[in-house]
């Protein structure tokens, strides 16, 4: 018993047993919040939507396929028109939001073709819809290959048949 008592005293424990050990533990070190991402403005995409096809009650939910019939992308380094065909394969979700799945091609004013694909989330608003997206760009044109190496985010809205996104590259 003396050995056990001496051992407990030597370890700084008291008769309260394991609770003493918990009380003597040091608090976890505090860490600074991670640095927020920075963004570069790429441009604004304006698009006009056309016909809609609705496929109701499928295994993934109700799908709405929306034609994109035209539009324009204007930014400091890219100026382009939306080419046909283009569209959005929307999935209406149970929580009343919807998932965007867009594919479109931009033809720049200097003749390059850029495929733009993006997924995102939309929510219906009184004015139309609030939209958040994550565009990716594909091109083989050396003047715009820089686009293929970045991840973009888009913040936009739909009012009537007009969709507008401000698109930013994550730094």
C-alpha atoms as a PDB file:
ATOM      1  CA  UNK A   1       0.000   0.000   0.000  1.00  0.00           C
ATOM      2  CA  UNK A   2       2.871   2.378   0.849  1.00  0.00           C
ATOM      3  CA  UNK A   3       4.348   1.801  -2.578  1.00  0.00           C
ATOM      4  CA  UNK A   4       1.023   2.591  -4.265  1.00  0.00           C
ATOM      5  CA  UNK A   5       0.598   5.741  -2.177  1.00  0.00           C
ATOM      6  CA  UNK A   6       4.142   6.838  -2.903  1.00  0.00           C
ATOM      7  CA  UNK A   7       3.590   6.190  -6.608  1.00  0.00           C
ATOM      8  CA  UNK A   8       0.367   8.214  -6.642  1.00  0.00           C
ATOM      9  CA  UNK A   9       1.976  11.091  -4.770  1.00  0.00           C
ATOM     10  CA  UNK A  10       4.992  10.922  -7.077  1.00  0.00           C
ATOM     11  CA  UNK A  11       2.725  11.222 -10.114  1.00  0.00           C
ATOM     12  CA  UNK A  12       0.852  14.117  -8.517  1.00  0.00           C
ATOM     13  CA  UNK A  13      -2.380  12.184  -8.161  1.00  0.00           C
ATOM     14  CA  UNK A  14      -4.603  12.355  -5.124  1.00  0.00           C
ATOM     15  CA  UNK A  15      -7.220  10.109  -3.629  1.00  0.00           C
ATOM     16  CA  UNK A  16      -9.717  11.371  -6.212  1.00  0.00           C
ATOM     17  CA  UNK A  17      -8.187   8.904  -8.658  1.00  0.00           C
ATOM     18  CA  UNK A  18      -8.668   9.267 -12.411  1.00  0.00           C
ATOM     19  CA  UNK A  19     -10.549  12.554 -12.030  1.00  0.00           C
ATOM     20  CA  UNK A  20      -7.351  14.232 -10.906  1.00  0.00           C
ATOM     21  CA  UNK A  21      -5.664  13.213 -14.130  1.00  0.00           C
ATOM     22  CA  UNK A  22      -8.446  14.783 -16.192  1.00  0.00           C
ATOM     23  CA  UNK A  23      -8.194  18.002 -14.183  1.00  0.00           C
ATOM     24  CA  UNK A  24      -4.467  18.331 -14.765  1.00  0.00           C
ATOM     25  CA  UNK A  25      -4.592  18.009 -18.551  1.00  0.00           C
ATOM     26  CA  UNK A  26      -3.561  21.100 -20.489  1.00  0.00           C
ATOM     27  CA  UNK A  27      -6.024  22.848 -22.793  1.00  0.00           C
ATOM     28  CA  UNK A  28      -5.703  22.240 -26.517  1.00  0.00           C
ATOM     29  CA  UNK A  29      -3.563  24.843 -28.256  1.00  0.00           C
ATOM     30  CA  UNK A  30      -5.546  27.514 -30.026  1.00  0.00           C
ATOM     31  CA  UNK A  31      -4.985  27.936 -33.746  1.00  0.00           C
ATOM     32  CA  UNK A  32      -5.682  30.907 -35.921  1.00  0.00           C
ATOM     33  CA  UNK A  33      -8.548  30.689 -38.380  1.00  0.00           C
ATOM     34  CA  UNK A  34      -7.441  29.668 -41.865  1.00  0.00           C
ATOM     35  CA  UNK A  35      -6.826  32.475 -44.324  1.00  0.00           C
ATOM     36  CA  UNK A  36      -9.914  33.259 -46.406  1.00  0.00           C
ATOM     37  CA  UNK A  37      -9.538  32.651 -50.138  1.00  0.00           C
ATOM     38  CA  UNK A  38      -8.885  35.564 -52.464  1.00  0.00           C
ATOM     39  CA  UNK A  39     -10.558  36.040 -55.830  1.00  0.00           C
ATOM     40  CA  UNK A  40      -9.811  37.582 -59.225  1.00  0.00           C
ATOM     41  CA  UNK A  41     -12.762  38.895 -61.251  1.00  0.00           C
ATOM     42  CA  UNK A  42     -13.007  36.991 -64.557  1.00  0.00           C
ATOM     43  CA  UNK A  43     -16.144  38.554 -65.965  1.00  0.00           C
ATOM     44  CA  UNK A  44     -19.908  38.595 -66.109  1.00  0.00           C
ATOM     45  CA  UNK A  45     -21.948  36.022 -67.980  1.00  0.00           C
ATOM     46  CA  UNK A  46     -25.366  37.079 -69.272  1.00  0.00           C
ATOM     47  CA  UNK A  47     -27.476  34.273 -70.739  1.00  0.00           C
ATOM     48  CA  UNK A  48     -30.966  33.989 -72.171  1.00  0.00           C
ATOM     49  CA  UNK A  49     -32.932  30.819 -71.592  1.00  0.00           C
ATOM     50  CA  UNK A  50     -35.494  29.287 -73.908  1.00  0.00           C
ATOM     51  CA  UNK A  51     -37.632  26.155 -73.989  1.00  0.00           C
ATOM     52  CA  UNK A  52     -37.911  23.881 -70.970  1.00  0.00           C
ATOM     53  CA  UNK A  53     -38.514  20.146 -70.937  1.00  0.00           C
ATOM     54  CA  UNK A  54     -39.692  18.624 -67.647  1.00  0.00           C
ATOM     55  CA  UNK A  55     -39.192  14.950 -66.788  1.00  0.00           C
ATOM     56  CA  UNK A  56     -41.235  14.373 -63.638  1.00  0.00           C
ATOM     57  CA  UNK A  57     -40.762  11.936 -60.765  1.00  0.00           C
ATOM     58  CA  UNK A  58     -37.650  10.149 -61.983  1.00  0.00           C
ATOM     59  CA  UNK A  59     -35.460   8.173 -59.576  1.00  0.00           C
ATOM     60  CA  UNK A  60     -33.296  11.275 -58.975  1.00  0.00           C
ATOM     61  CA  UNK A  61     -36.300  13.607 -58.726  1.00  0.00           C
ATOM     62  CA  UNK A  62     -37.913  15.911 -61.258  1.00  0.00           C
ATOM     63  CA  UNK A  63     -35.543  17.074 -63.983  1.00  0.00           C
ATOM     64  CA  UNK A  64     -35.898  20.269 -65.992  1.00  0.00           C
ATOM     65  CA  UNK A  65     -33.800  20.658 -69.134  1.00  0.00           C
ATOM     66  CA  UNK A  66     -33.466  24.335 -70.066  1.00  0.00           C
ATOM     67  CA  UNK A  67     -32.125  25.558 -73.399  1.00  0.00           C
ATOM     68  CA  UNK A  68     -29.628  28.393 -73.288  1.00  0.00           C
ATOM     69  CA  UNK A  69     -30.385  30.307 -76.494  1.00  0.00           C
ATOM     70  CA  UNK A  70     -27.713  32.990 -76.347  1.00  0.00           C
ATOM     71  CA  UNK A  71     -25.649  35.239 -74.204  1.00  0.00           C
ATOM     72  CA  UNK A  72     -22.404  37.050 -73.683  1.00  0.00           C
ATOM     73  CA  UNK A  73     -19.370  36.839 -71.384  1.00  0.00           C
ATOM     74  CA  UNK A  74     -17.567  40.145 -70.731  1.00  0.00           C
ATOM     75  CA  UNK A  75     -14.416  40.392 -68.660  1.00  0.00           C
ATOM     76  CA  UNK A  76     -11.028  42.085 -68.596  1.00  0.00           C
ATOM     77  CA  UNK A  77      -9.299  39.209 -70.444  1.00  0.00           C
ATOM     78  CA  UNK A  78     -12.183  37.345 -72.120  1.00  0.00           C
ATOM     79  CA  UNK A  79     -14.954  38.674 -74.345  1.00  0.00           C
ATOM     80  CA  UNK A  80     -17.127  36.014 -75.919  1.00  0.00           C
ATOM     81  CA  UNK A  81     -20.573  34.968 -77.113  1.00  0.00           C
ATOM     82  CA  UNK A  82     -22.489  31.888 -75.983  1.00  0.00           C
ATOM     83  CA  UNK A  83     -22.824  29.370 -78.818  1.00  0.00           C
ATOM     84  CA  UNK A  84     -25.647  26.908 -79.420  1.00  0.00           C
ATOM     85  CA  UNK A  85     -26.247  24.195 -78.365  1.00  0.00           C
ATOM     86  CA  UNK A  86     -26.109  24.967 -74.667  1.00  0.00           C
ATOM     87  CA  UNK A  87     -28.261  24.006 -71.737  1.00  0.00           C
ATOM     88  CA  UNK A  88     -28.861  23.354 -68.074  1.00  0.00           C
ATOM     89  CA  UNK A  89     -29.927  19.949 -66.755  1.00  0.00           C
ATOM     90  CA  UNK A  90     -31.610  20.965 -63.488  1.00  0.00           C
ATOM     91  CA  UNK A  91     -32.473  18.512 -60.711  1.00  0.00           C
ATOM     92  CA  UNK A  92     -35.255  19.713 -58.414  1.00  0.00           C
ATOM     93  CA  UNK A  93     -34.415  18.608 -54.878  1.00  0.00           C
ATOM     94  CA  UNK A  94     -36.660  17.668 -51.954  1.00  0.00           C
ATOM     95  CA  UNK A  95     -35.444  20.659 -49.906  1.00  0.00           C
ATOM     96  CA  UNK A  96     -36.904  23.007 -52.561  1.00  0.00           C
ATOM     97  CA  UNK A  97     -33.469  23.961 -53.898  1.00  0.00           C
ATOM     98  CA  UNK A  98     -32.231  22.780 -57.272  1.00  0.00           C
ATOM     99  CA  UNK A  99     -28.947  21.476 -58.599  1.00  0.00           C
ATOM    100  CA  UNK A 100     -27.544  23.097 -61.721  1.00  0.00           C
ATOM    101  CA  UNK A 101     -25.630  21.126 -64.374  1.00  0.00           C
ATOM    102  CA  UNK A 102     -24.709  23.542 -67.189  1.00  0.00           C
ATOM    103  CA  UNK A 103     -22.735  23.027 -70.376  1.00  0.00           C
ATOM    104  CA  UNK A 104     -22.066  25.804 -72.841  1.00  0.00           C
ATOM    105  CA  UNK A 105     -19.458  26.915 -75.357  1.00  0.00           C
ATOM    106  CA  UNK A 106     -18.057  30.416 -75.561  1.00  0.00           C
ATOM    107  CA  UNK A 107     -16.669  31.755 -78.827  1.00  0.00           C
ATOM    108  CA  UNK A 108     -14.276  34.585 -78.038  1.00  0.00           C
ATOM    109  CA  UNK A 109     -14.234  37.755 -80.114  1.00  0.00           C
ATOM    110  CA  UNK A 110     -10.868  36.590 -81.503  1.00  0.00           C
ATOM    111  CA  UNK A 111     -12.234  33.164 -82.540  1.00  0.00           C
ATOM    112  CA  UNK A 112     -11.248  30.767 -79.724  1.00  0.00           C
ATOM    113  CA  UNK A 113     -13.704  28.144 -78.453  1.00  0.00           C
ATOM    114  CA  UNK A 114     -13.968  27.567 -74.709  1.00  0.00           C
ATOM    115  CA  UNK A 115     -16.146  24.858 -73.161  1.00  0.00           C
ATOM    116  CA  UNK A 116     -17.628  25.942 -69.837  1.00  0.00           C
ATOM    117  CA  UNK A 117     -19.181  23.378 -67.505  1.00  0.00           C
ATOM    118  CA  UNK A 118     -20.504  24.045 -64.059  1.00  0.00           C
ATOM    119  CA  UNK A 119     -22.524  22.606 -61.258  1.00  0.00           C
ATOM    120  CA  UNK A 120     -24.132  24.631 -58.568  1.00  0.00           C
ATOM    121  CA  UNK A 121     -27.097  25.238 -56.317  1.00  0.00           C
ATOM    122  CA  UNK A 122     -30.090  27.455 -56.951  1.00  0.00           C
ATOM    123  CA  UNK A 123     -32.904  28.599 -54.725  1.00  0.00           C
ATOM    124  CA  UNK A 124     -36.139  30.201 -55.789  1.00  0.00           C
ATOM    125  CA  UNK A 125     -36.587  33.819 -54.706  1.00  0.00           C
ATOM    126  CA  UNK A 126     -39.415  36.313 -55.098  1.00  0.00           C
ATOM    127  CA  UNK A 127     -37.592  37.796 -58.124  1.00  0.00           C
ATOM    128  CA  UNK A 128     -36.612  34.453 -59.728  1.00  0.00           C
ATOM    129  CA  UNK A 129     -33.634  32.482 -58.382  1.00  0.00           C
ATOM    130  CA  UNK A 130     -30.393  32.922 -56.473  1.00  0.00           C
ATOM    131  CA  UNK A 131     -27.550  30.904 -58.058  1.00  0.00           C
ATOM    132  CA  UNK A 132     -24.111  29.723 -56.833  1.00  0.00           C
ATOM    133  CA  UNK A 133     -21.824  27.814 -59.199  1.00  0.00           C
ATOM    134  CA  UNK A 134     -18.333  26.370 -59.694  1.00  0.00           C
ATOM    135  CA  UNK A 135     -17.336  26.793 -63.380  1.00  0.00           C
ATOM    136  CA  UNK A 136     -14.507  24.913 -65.093  1.00  0.00           C
ATOM    137  CA  UNK A 137     -13.057  25.903 -68.468  1.00  0.00           C
ATOM    138  CA  UNK A 138     -11.626  23.753 -71.281  1.00  0.00           C
ATOM    139  CA  UNK A 139      -9.846  24.968 -74.392  1.00  0.00           C
ATOM    140  CA  UNK A 140      -6.992  23.969 -76.642  1.00  0.00           C
ATOM    141  CA  UNK A 141      -6.341  27.566 -77.701  1.00  0.00           C
ATOM    142  CA  UNK A 142      -2.968  28.689 -76.316  1.00  0.00           C
ATOM    143  CA  UNK A 143      -4.272  32.233 -75.732  1.00  0.00           C
ATOM    144  CA  UNK A 144      -6.791  30.976 -73.176  1.00  0.00           C
ATOM    145  CA  UNK A 145      -5.142  27.852 -71.766  1.00  0.00           C
ATOM    146  CA  UNK A 146      -4.640  29.781 -68.495  1.00  0.00           C
ATOM    147  CA  UNK A 147      -8.381  29.325 -67.895  1.00  0.00           C
ATOM    148  CA  UNK A 148      -7.986  25.532 -67.791  1.00  0.00           C
ATOM    149  CA  UNK A 149      -5.745  25.771 -64.723  1.00  0.00           C
ATOM    150  CA  UNK A 150      -8.131  27.568 -62.409  1.00  0.00           C
ATOM    151  CA  UNK A 151     -11.215  26.930 -60.354  1.00  0.00           C
ATOM    152  CA  UNK A 152     -13.874  29.591 -60.616  1.00  0.00           C
ATOM    153  CA  UNK A 153     -16.938  30.455 -58.582  1.00  0.00           C
ATOM    154  CA  UNK A 154     -20.021  32.218 -59.828  1.00  0.00           C
ATOM    155  CA  UNK A 155     -22.592  34.243 -57.930  1.00  0.00           C
ATOM    156  CA  UNK A 156     -25.720  35.023 -59.859  1.00  0.00           C
ATOM    157  CA  UNK A 157     -29.431  35.274 -60.278  1.00  0.00           C
ATOM    158  CA  UNK A 158     -32.199  34.484 -62.710  1.00  0.00           C
ATOM    159  CA  UNK A 159     -34.930  37.010 -63.363  1.00  0.00           C
ATOM    160  CA  UNK A 160     -37.477  35.865 -65.922  1.00  0.00           C
ATOM    161  CA  UNK A 161     -35.554  34.222 -68.751  1.00  0.00           C
ATOM    162  CA  UNK A 162     -32.332  36.155 -68.093  1.00  0.00           C
ATOM    163  CA  UNK A 163     -29.477  34.649 -66.088  1.00  0.00           C
ATOM    164  CA  UNK A 164     -26.550  36.753 -64.880  1.00  0.00           C
ATOM    165  CA  UNK A 165     -23.400  35.536 -63.090  1.00  0.00           C
ATOM    166  CA  UNK A 166     -20.371  37.399 -61.818  1.00  0.00           C
ATOM    167  CA  UNK A 167     -17.521  34.892 -62.126  1.00  0.00           C
ATOM    168  CA  UNK A 168     -14.321  34.911 -60.087  1.00  0.00           C
ATOM    169  CA  UNK A 169     -11.176  32.770 -60.119  1.00  0.00           C
ATOM    170  CA  UNK A 170      -9.945  31.434 -56.811  1.00  0.00           C
ATOM    171  CA  UNK A 171      -6.364  32.582 -56.285  1.00  0.00           C
END
